[in-house]
Amino acid sequence: MGRRRPRFGSGEIIILIVILILVLIFVTNKHREILDMLFGPSTALVAVVMIVEYLLLRGADRSEIYRRELEAAREKRRDDLLALRAMEVELVELRARLNAASRAVSPRLPSAPPGESAPPSAQPSVPGGPSAEESDAEREACLDLTRRTVDKVLGILRERI
């Protein structure tokens, strides 16, 4: 449950006190004595004590707020680090898969000696399209670019962790 609001706030209490003092002044007709009592040395001491107490309470409230904000920032940083570590694990697994795929593409198809025709698997699958060797070279280049990108992202992640 949330905090319950007091029946009267501090503003309403101050207004009530001022109204009561004004009523007291007009009812008793002792203006001078009441004003002397209100602005006497003991009243000034009470006012100073109240101001110091207010400042101490306000400072304590601010310290509590700062402590809560600091704890929330620590928790957010902890969550961010956990997320970064999870991304690092995923990227390491992706890099391993890319290396395996690269090894699968690396063995090039043998080219035909001069004067002989290339094996049917090395023939272009689409007339006018890239040969299997060109297609493998493109795949290798794409895998290499992806591997370098994963390595770069992993480096950035490891700097942040």
N, C-alpha and C. Protein backbone atom coordinates (compact mmCIF):
# COMPACT_ATOMS: atom_id res chain seq x y z
N MET A 1 0.83 -1.19 0.00
CA MET A 1 0.00 0.00 0.00
C MET A 1 0.87 1.24 0.00
N GLY A 2 0.39 2.31 -0.63
CA GLY A 2 1.13 3.56 -0.67
C GLY A 2 0.96 4.34 0.62
N ARG A 3 1.74 5.38 0.72
CA ARG A 3 1.63 6.23 1.91
C ARG A 3 0.30 6.96 1.89
N ARG A 4 -0.31 7.03 3.05
CA ARG A 4 -1.57 7.77 3.15
C ARG A 4 -1.26 9.24 3.33
N ARG A 5 -2.00 10.07 2.65
CA ARG A 5 -1.81 11.51 2.77
C ARG A 5 -2.42 11.98 4.09
N PRO A 6 -1.68 12.85 4.83
CA PRO A 6 -2.23 13.33 6.09
C PRO A 6 -3.52 14.12 5.84
N ARG A 7 -4.32 14.18 6.89
CA ARG A 7 -5.60 14.87 6.76
C ARG A 7 -5.40 16.34 6.39
N PHE A 8 -4.44 16.97 7.07
CA PHE A 8 -4.11 18.36 6.77
C PHE A 8 -2.65 18.43 6.36
N GLY A 9 -2.38 19.13 5.28
CA GLY A 9 -1.00 19.32 4.85
C GLY A 9 -0.35 20.45 5.61
N SER A 10 0.94 20.64 5.43
CA SER A 10 1.65 21.68 6.17
C SER A 10 1.15 23.07 5.79
N GLY A 11 0.76 23.25 4.55
CA GLY A 11 0.24 24.55 4.12
C GLY A 11 -1.06 24.90 4.82
N GLU A 12 -1.96 23.92 4.95
CA GLU A 12 -3.23 24.17 5.63
C GLU A 12 -3.02 24.45 7.11
N ILE A 13 -2.04 23.77 7.73
CA ILE A 13 -1.77 23.99 9.16
C ILE A 13 -1.24 25.40 9.38
N ILE A 14 -0.35 25.86 8.51
CA ILE A 14 0.19 27.22 8.65
C ILE A 14 -0.93 28.25 8.49
N ILE A 15 -1.79 28.04 7.52
CA ILE A 15 -2.91 28.98 7.32
C ILE A 15 -3.82 28.98 8.56
N LEU A 16 -4.09 27.82 9.13
CA LEU A 16 -4.92 27.75 10.34
C LEU A 16 -4.26 28.48 11.50
N ILE A 17 -2.95 28.33 11.66
CA ILE A 17 -2.24 29.01 12.75
C ILE A 17 -2.32 30.52 12.57
N VAL A 18 -2.11 31.00 11.35
CA VAL A 18 -2.19 32.45 11.09
C VAL A 18 -3.60 32.96 11.39
N ILE A 19 -4.61 32.22 10.98
CA ILE A 19 -5.99 32.64 11.24
C ILE A 19 -6.26 32.66 12.74
N LEU A 20 -5.79 31.65 13.47
CA LEU A 20 -6.00 31.62 14.93
C LEU A 20 -5.29 32.79 15.61
N ILE A 21 -4.09 33.12 15.16
CA ILE A 21 -3.38 34.26 15.75
C ILE A 21 -4.12 35.56 15.48
N LEU A 22 -4.63 35.73 14.26
CA LEU A 22 -5.38 36.95 13.94
C LEU A 22 -6.66 37.03 14.77
N VAL A 23 -7.34 35.91 14.94
CA VAL A 23 -8.56 35.89 15.77
C VAL A 23 -8.20 36.23 17.21
N LEU A 24 -7.10 35.65 17.72
CA LEU A 24 -6.64 35.92 19.08
C LEU A 24 -6.33 37.40 19.27
N ILE A 25 -5.69 38.01 18.28
CA ILE A 25 -5.35 39.44 18.37
C ILE A 25 -6.62 40.28 18.45
N PHE A 26 -7.58 39.99 17.61
CA PHE A 26 -8.79 40.82 17.58
C PHE A 26 -9.72 40.54 18.77
N VAL A 27 -9.73 39.33 19.27
CA VAL A 27 -10.61 39.00 20.40
C VAL A 27 -10.07 39.59 21.70
N THR A 28 -8.78 39.52 21.92
CA THR A 28 -8.22 39.97 23.20
C THR A 28 -7.89 41.45 23.24
N ASN A 29 -7.76 42.07 22.13
CA ASN A 29 -7.38 43.49 22.02
C ASN A 29 -6.04 43.78 22.71
N LYS A 30 -5.17 42.79 22.74
CA LYS A 30 -3.84 42.99 23.31
C LYS A 30 -2.82 42.87 22.17
N HIS A 31 -2.91 43.78 21.25
CA HIS A 31 -2.07 43.74 20.05
C HIS A 31 -0.58 43.78 20.38
N ARG A 32 -0.20 44.69 21.23
CA ARG A 32 1.21 44.90 21.52
C ARG A 32 1.81 43.67 22.23
N GLU A 33 1.14 43.12 23.18
CA GLU A 33 1.65 41.97 23.92
C GLU A 33 1.77 40.74 23.03
N ILE A 34 0.81 40.53 22.16
CA ILE A 34 0.84 39.36 21.27
C ILE A 34 1.96 39.51 20.25
N LEU A 35 2.12 40.72 19.72
CA LEU A 35 3.21 40.95 18.76
C LEU A 35 4.57 40.80 19.43
N ASP A 36 4.71 41.27 20.67
CA ASP A 36 5.96 41.07 21.39
C ASP A 36 6.24 39.59 21.59
N MET A 37 5.20 38.83 21.89
CA MET A 37 5.36 37.39 22.09
C MET A 37 5.73 36.69 20.77
N LEU A 38 5.12 37.14 19.67
CA LEU A 38 5.39 36.53 18.36
C LEU A 38 6.80 36.82 17.86
N PHE A 39 7.29 38.02 18.10
CA PHE A 39 8.58 38.41 17.55
C PHE A 39 9.65 38.56 18.63
N GLY A 40 9.52 37.85 19.71
CA GLY A 40 10.49 37.89 20.80
C GLY A 40 11.67 36.97 20.52
N PRO A 41 12.68 37.01 21.43
CA PRO A 41 13.88 36.20 21.24
C PRO A 41 13.61 34.70 21.30
N SER A 42 12.70 34.26 22.12
CA SER A 42 12.42 32.82 22.19
C SER A 42 11.78 32.33 20.90
N THR A 43 10.99 33.16 20.26
CA THR A 43 10.37 32.77 18.99
C THR A 43 11.42 32.64 17.90
N ALA A 44 12.40 33.54 17.92
CA ALA A 44 13.48 33.46 16.93
C ALA A 44 14.27 32.18 17.11
N LEU A 45 14.51 31.80 18.36
CA LEU A 45 15.24 30.56 18.62
C LEU A 45 14.45 29.34 18.11
N VAL A 46 13.16 29.34 18.36
CA VAL A 46 12.32 28.24 17.87
C VAL A 46 12.34 28.20 16.34
N ALA A 47 12.29 29.37 15.71
CA ALA A 47 12.32 29.42 14.24
C ALA A 47 13.63 28.88 13.70
N VAL A 48 14.76 29.21 14.32
CA VAL A 48 16.06 28.71 13.88
C VAL A 48 16.12 27.20 14.03
N VAL A 49 15.64 26.69 15.16
CA VAL A 49 15.63 25.24 15.38
C VAL A 49 14.77 24.55 14.32
N MET A 50 13.63 25.13 14.01
CA MET A 50 12.74 24.54 13.00
C MET A 50 13.40 24.53 11.62
N ILE A 51 14.11 25.60 11.28
CA ILE A 51 14.78 25.67 9.98
C ILE A 51 15.89 24.63 9.89
N VAL A 52 16.68 24.50 10.96
CA VAL A 52 17.75 23.50 10.97
C VAL A 52 17.17 22.09 10.85
N GLU A 53 16.11 21.83 11.60
CA GLU A 53 15.45 20.52 11.52
C GLU A 53 14.93 20.25 10.11
N TYR A 54 14.34 21.25 9.50
CA TYR A 54 13.83 21.11 8.13
C TYR A 54 14.96 20.77 7.16
N LEU A 55 16.08 21.48 7.29
CA LEU A 55 17.22 21.23 6.40
C LEU A 55 17.80 19.83 6.61
N LEU A 56 17.88 19.38 7.84
CA LEU A 56 18.39 18.03 8.11
C LEU A 56 17.46 16.96 7.54
N LEU A 57 16.18 17.14 7.73
CA LEU A 57 15.22 16.16 7.19
C LEU A 57 15.24 16.14 5.67
N ARG A 58 15.34 17.31 5.09
CA ARG A 58 15.38 17.38 3.63
C ARG A 58 16.66 16.73 3.09
N GLY A 59 17.78 16.97 3.76
CA GLY A 59 19.04 16.34 3.36
C GLY A 59 18.97 14.83 3.47
N ALA A 60 18.33 14.33 4.52
CA ALA A 60 18.17 12.88 4.68
C ALA A 60 17.30 12.31 3.57
N ASP A 61 16.25 13.04 3.21
CA ASP A 61 15.38 12.58 2.12
C ASP A 61 16.15 12.52 0.81
N ARG A 62 16.97 13.53 0.55
CA ARG A 62 17.76 13.54 -0.68
C ARG A 62 18.76 12.39 -0.69
N SER A 63 19.39 12.13 0.45
CA SER A 63 20.34 11.02 0.51
C SER A 63 19.65 9.71 0.19
N GLU A 64 18.46 9.53 0.69
CA GLU A 64 17.70 8.30 0.41
C GLU A 64 17.37 8.20 -1.08
N ILE A 65 16.98 9.32 -1.66
CA ILE A 65 16.65 9.32 -3.10
C ILE A 65 17.89 9.00 -3.92
N TYR A 66 19.03 9.61 -3.58
CA TYR A 66 20.27 9.34 -4.30
C TYR A 66 20.68 7.88 -4.16
N ARG A 67 20.51 7.32 -2.96
CA ARG A 67 20.85 5.92 -2.73
C ARG A 67 19.99 5.01 -3.60
N ARG A 68 18.69 5.31 -3.68
CA ARG A 68 17.78 4.51 -4.52
C ARG A 68 18.17 4.62 -6.00
N GLU A 69 18.48 5.83 -6.44
CA GLU A 69 18.86 6.01 -7.84
C GLU A 69 20.17 5.28 -8.15
N LEU A 70 21.11 5.32 -7.23
CA LEU A 70 22.37 4.63 -7.43
C LEU A 70 22.14 3.12 -7.50
N GLU A 71 21.30 2.60 -6.64
CA GLU A 71 20.99 1.16 -6.66
C GLU A 71 20.30 0.78 -7.97
N ALA A 72 19.39 1.62 -8.45
CA ALA A 72 18.72 1.34 -9.72
C ALA A 72 19.73 1.37 -10.87
N ALA A 73 20.68 2.31 -10.84
CA ALA A 73 21.70 2.37 -11.90
C ALA A 73 22.60 1.14 -11.86
N ARG A 74 22.95 0.68 -10.64
CA ARG A 74 23.76 -0.54 -10.53
C ARG A 74 23.02 -1.75 -11.09
N GLU A 75 21.75 -1.84 -10.77
CA GLU A 75 20.95 -2.97 -11.26
C GLU A 75 20.85 -2.94 -12.79
N LYS A 76 20.66 -1.74 -13.34
CA LYS A 76 20.59 -1.62 -14.80
C LYS A 76 21.91 -2.00 -15.45
N ARG A 77 23.02 -1.56 -14.85
CA ARG A 77 24.34 -1.91 -15.37
C ARG A 77 24.57 -3.42 -15.30
N ARG A 78 24.14 -4.04 -14.21
CA ARG A 78 24.27 -5.49 -14.06
C ARG A 78 23.46 -6.21 -15.15
N ASP A 79 22.24 -5.74 -15.39
CA ASP A 79 21.41 -6.34 -16.44
C ASP A 79 22.05 -6.16 -17.82
N ASP A 80 22.62 -4.97 -18.05
CA ASP A 80 23.30 -4.71 -19.33
C ASP A 80 24.49 -5.65 -19.52
N LEU A 81 25.26 -5.84 -18.45
CA LEU A 81 26.41 -6.74 -18.55
C LEU A 81 25.98 -8.18 -18.83
N LEU A 82 24.90 -8.59 -18.19
CA LEU A 82 24.40 -9.95 -18.45
C LEU A 82 23.94 -10.08 -19.91
N ALA A 83 23.29 -9.06 -20.42
CA ALA A 83 22.85 -9.09 -21.82
C ALA A 83 24.06 -9.10 -22.76
N LEU A 84 25.07 -8.30 -22.45
CA LEU A 84 26.27 -8.27 -23.29
C LEU A 84 26.97 -9.63 -23.28
N ARG A 85 27.02 -10.27 -22.11
CA ARG A 85 27.65 -11.59 -22.03
C ARG A 85 26.86 -12.62 -22.83
N ALA A 86 25.53 -12.52 -22.78
CA ALA A 86 24.71 -13.44 -23.57
C ALA A 86 24.94 -13.22 -25.07
N MET A 87 25.07 -11.95 -25.47
CA MET A 87 25.37 -11.66 -26.89
C MET A 87 26.75 -12.19 -27.26
N GLU A 88 27.70 -12.08 -26.34
CA GLU A 88 29.04 -12.58 -26.63
C GLU A 88 29.00 -14.09 -26.86
N VAL A 89 28.25 -14.81 -26.04
CA VAL A 89 28.14 -16.27 -26.21
C VAL A 89 27.53 -16.59 -27.57
N GLU A 90 26.48 -15.87 -27.93
CA GLU A 90 25.83 -16.10 -29.23
C GLU A 90 26.80 -15.82 -30.39
N LEU A 91 27.56 -14.73 -30.27
CA LEU A 91 28.50 -14.38 -31.33
C LEU A 91 29.64 -15.39 -31.44
N VAL A 92 30.09 -15.92 -30.31
CA VAL A 92 31.14 -16.94 -30.35
C VAL A 92 30.61 -18.19 -31.05
N GLU A 93 29.36 -18.56 -30.75
CA GLU A 93 28.77 -19.72 -31.43
C GLU A 93 28.60 -19.45 -32.92
N LEU A 94 28.20 -18.22 -33.28
CA LEU A 94 28.05 -17.86 -34.69
C LEU A 94 29.40 -17.91 -35.40
N ARG A 95 30.44 -17.42 -34.73
CA ARG A 95 31.78 -17.46 -35.33
C ARG A 95 32.22 -18.91 -35.56
N ALA A 96 31.92 -19.80 -34.64
CA ALA A 96 32.29 -21.21 -34.80
C ALA A 96 31.55 -21.81 -36.00
N ARG A 97 30.26 -21.48 -36.12
CA ARG A 97 29.49 -21.98 -37.28
C ARG A 97 30.03 -21.41 -38.59
N LEU A 98 30.42 -20.14 -38.57
CA LEU A 98 30.98 -19.52 -39.78
C LEU A 98 32.30 -20.19 -40.16
N ASN A 99 33.13 -20.48 -39.17
CA ASN A 99 34.39 -21.16 -39.47
C ASN A 99 34.13 -22.54 -40.06
N ALA A 100 33.13 -23.26 -39.53
CA ALA A 100 32.80 -24.57 -40.07
C ALA A 100 32.28 -24.45 -41.51
N ALA A 101 31.44 -23.44 -41.75
CA ALA A 101 30.91 -23.23 -43.10
C ALA A 101 32.04 -22.84 -44.05
N SER A 102 32.97 -22.04 -43.55
CA SER A 102 34.10 -21.63 -44.39
C SER A 102 34.96 -22.83 -44.77
N ARG A 103 35.18 -23.73 -43.82
CA ARG A 103 35.96 -24.94 -44.13
C ARG A 103 35.21 -25.82 -45.13
N ALA A 104 33.89 -25.83 -45.09
CA ALA A 104 33.12 -26.63 -46.03
C ALA A 104 33.18 -26.05 -47.44
N VAL A 105 33.31 -24.74 -47.56
CA VAL A 105 33.35 -24.09 -48.87
C VAL A 105 34.77 -24.06 -49.41
N SER A 106 35.77 -24.04 -48.54
CA SER A 106 37.17 -23.87 -48.94
C SER A 106 37.67 -24.90 -49.94
N PRO A 107 37.39 -26.18 -49.77
CA PRO A 107 37.91 -27.12 -50.78
C PRO A 107 37.30 -26.78 -52.14
N ARG A 108 38.16 -26.27 -53.00
CA ARG A 108 37.70 -25.85 -54.33
C ARG A 108 37.48 -27.07 -55.23
N LEU A 109 36.57 -26.90 -56.16
CA LEU A 109 36.35 -27.96 -57.15
C LEU A 109 37.53 -28.01 -58.10
N PRO A 110 37.98 -29.18 -58.45
CA PRO A 110 39.13 -29.25 -59.37
C PRO A 110 38.74 -28.70 -60.72
N SER A 111 39.64 -27.90 -61.28
CA SER A 111 39.37 -27.39 -62.62
C SER A 111 39.90 -28.40 -63.64
N ALA A 112 39.34 -28.36 -64.82
CA ALA A 112 39.70 -29.32 -65.86
C ALA A 112 41.03 -28.92 -66.47
N PRO A 113 41.87 -29.91 -66.80
CA PRO A 113 43.13 -29.58 -67.49
C PRO A 113 42.83 -28.95 -68.84
N PRO A 114 43.79 -28.21 -69.39
CA PRO A 114 43.54 -27.56 -70.68
C PRO A 114 43.21 -28.58 -71.75
N GLY A 115 42.25 -28.26 -72.56
CA GLY A 115 41.85 -29.13 -73.66
C GLY A 115 40.70 -30.05 -73.27
N GLU A 116 40.42 -30.25 -72.00
CA GLU A 116 39.31 -31.10 -71.58
C GLU A 116 38.20 -30.22 -71.06
N SER A 117 37.00 -30.78 -71.08
CA SER A 117 35.88 -30.01 -70.56
C SER A 117 35.81 -30.20 -69.04
N ALA A 118 35.27 -29.22 -68.39
CA ALA A 118 35.14 -29.28 -66.94
C ALA A 118 34.08 -30.29 -66.56
N PRO A 119 34.17 -30.86 -65.34
CA PRO A 119 33.15 -31.81 -64.91
C PRO A 119 31.78 -31.13 -64.88
N PRO A 120 30.72 -31.91 -64.97
CA PRO A 120 29.38 -31.31 -65.02
C PRO A 120 29.06 -30.46 -63.79
N SER A 121 29.62 -30.82 -62.64
CA SER A 121 29.31 -30.03 -61.44
C SER A 121 29.96 -28.65 -61.51
N ALA A 122 31.01 -28.49 -62.30
CA ALA A 122 31.67 -27.19 -62.43
C ALA A 122 31.06 -26.35 -63.53
N GLN A 123 30.16 -26.93 -64.30
CA GLN A 123 29.49 -26.18 -65.35
C GLN A 123 28.50 -25.20 -64.73
N PRO A 124 28.29 -24.07 -65.36
CA PRO A 124 27.31 -23.12 -64.82
C PRO A 124 25.94 -23.78 -64.76
N SER A 125 25.26 -23.58 -63.64
CA SER A 125 23.94 -24.18 -63.50
C SER A 125 22.91 -23.40 -64.29
N VAL A 126 23.14 -22.14 -64.48
CA VAL A 126 22.25 -21.31 -65.26
C VAL A 126 23.05 -20.80 -66.44
N PRO A 127 22.53 -20.92 -67.65
CA PRO A 127 23.30 -20.42 -68.78
C PRO A 127 23.66 -18.96 -68.58
N GLY A 128 24.94 -18.66 -68.72
CA GLY A 128 25.40 -17.28 -68.56
C GLY A 128 25.61 -16.91 -67.10
N GLY A 129 25.29 -17.81 -66.14
CA GLY A 129 25.44 -17.55 -64.70
C GLY A 129 26.85 -17.85 -64.26
N PRO A 130 27.13 -17.63 -62.99
CA PRO A 130 28.48 -17.87 -62.48
C PRO A 130 28.77 -19.36 -62.41
N SER A 131 30.02 -19.68 -62.59
CA SER A 131 30.41 -21.08 -62.47
C SER A 131 30.41 -21.45 -60.99
N ALA A 132 30.56 -22.73 -60.72
CA ALA A 132 30.56 -23.19 -59.33
C ALA A 132 31.75 -22.61 -58.58
N GLU A 133 32.93 -22.47 -59.28
CA GLU A 133 34.11 -21.90 -58.64
C GLU A 133 33.88 -20.43 -58.27
N GLU A 134 33.24 -19.67 -59.19
CA GLU A 134 32.95 -18.27 -58.90
C GLU A 134 31.94 -18.16 -57.75
N SER A 135 30.96 -19.05 -57.76
CA SER A 135 29.96 -19.05 -56.70
C SER A 135 30.61 -19.37 -55.35
N ASP A 136 31.55 -20.36 -55.35
CA ASP A 136 32.27 -20.69 -54.12
C ASP A 136 33.12 -19.51 -53.66
N ALA A 137 33.74 -18.81 -54.60
CA ALA A 137 34.56 -17.65 -54.24
C ALA A 137 33.69 -16.55 -53.62
N GLU A 138 32.51 -16.35 -54.16
CA GLU A 138 31.60 -15.35 -53.60
C GLU A 138 31.17 -15.75 -52.19
N ARG A 139 30.84 -17.03 -52.03
CA ARG A 139 30.45 -17.51 -50.70
C ARG A 139 31.60 -17.35 -49.70
N GLU A 140 32.79 -17.68 -50.15
CA GLU A 140 33.96 -17.55 -49.26
C GLU A 140 34.17 -16.08 -48.87
N ALA A 141 34.01 -15.17 -49.84
CA ALA A 141 34.17 -13.74 -49.55
C ALA A 141 33.09 -13.27 -48.57
N CYS A 142 31.87 -13.74 -48.78
CA CYS A 142 30.77 -13.37 -47.89
C CYS A 142 31.01 -13.92 -46.49
N LEU A 143 31.44 -15.16 -46.39
CA LEU A 143 31.74 -15.76 -45.10
C LEU A 143 32.89 -15.03 -44.41
N ASP A 144 33.90 -14.65 -45.19
CA ASP A 144 35.04 -13.94 -44.62
C ASP A 144 34.61 -12.58 -44.07
N LEU A 145 33.78 -11.86 -44.84
CA LEU A 145 33.27 -10.56 -44.39
C LEU A 145 32.43 -10.74 -43.12
N THR A 146 31.59 -11.75 -43.10
CA THR A 146 30.75 -12.00 -41.92
C THR A 146 31.61 -12.35 -40.73
N ARG A 147 32.63 -13.16 -40.93
CA ARG A 147 33.53 -13.55 -39.84
C ARG A 147 34.25 -12.33 -39.28
N ARG A 148 34.75 -11.45 -40.17
CA ARG A 148 35.43 -10.24 -39.70
C ARG A 148 34.47 -9.34 -38.92
N THR A 149 33.22 -9.24 -39.40
CA THR A 149 32.23 -8.41 -38.70
C THR A 149 31.94 -8.99 -37.32
N VAL A 150 31.78 -10.30 -37.24
CA VAL A 150 31.54 -10.94 -35.94
C VAL A 150 32.73 -10.71 -35.02
N ASP A 151 33.95 -10.82 -35.53
CA ASP A 151 35.14 -10.59 -34.71
C ASP A 151 35.19 -9.14 -34.21
N LYS A 152 34.82 -8.20 -35.08
CA LYS A 152 34.83 -6.79 -34.70
C LYS A 152 33.78 -6.53 -33.60
N VAL A 153 32.58 -7.09 -33.77
CA VAL A 153 31.53 -6.90 -32.77
C VAL A 153 31.93 -7.56 -31.45
N LEU A 154 32.55 -8.74 -31.53
CA LEU A 154 33.03 -9.41 -30.31
C LEU A 154 34.07 -8.56 -29.60
N GLY A 155 34.97 -7.94 -30.36
CA GLY A 155 35.97 -7.06 -29.75
C GLY A 155 35.32 -5.89 -29.02
N ILE A 156 34.32 -5.28 -29.65
CA ILE A 156 33.62 -4.16 -29.02
C ILE A 156 32.90 -4.63 -27.75
N LEU A 157 32.25 -5.78 -27.84
CA LEU A 157 31.54 -6.31 -26.67
C LEU A 157 32.51 -6.60 -25.52
N ARG A 158 33.64 -7.18 -25.83
CA ARG A 158 34.59 -7.52 -24.78
C ARG A 158 35.21 -6.27 -24.15
N GLU A 159 35.31 -5.18 -24.91
CA GLU A 159 35.78 -3.93 -24.33
C GLU A 159 34.78 -3.39 -23.33
N ARG A 160 33.48 -3.55 -23.63
CA ARG A 160 32.43 -3.02 -22.77
C ARG A 160 32.19 -3.87 -21.53
N ILE A 161 32.51 -5.15 -21.63
CA ILE A 161 32.30 -6.04 -20.49
C ILE A 161 33.47 -5.90 -19.63
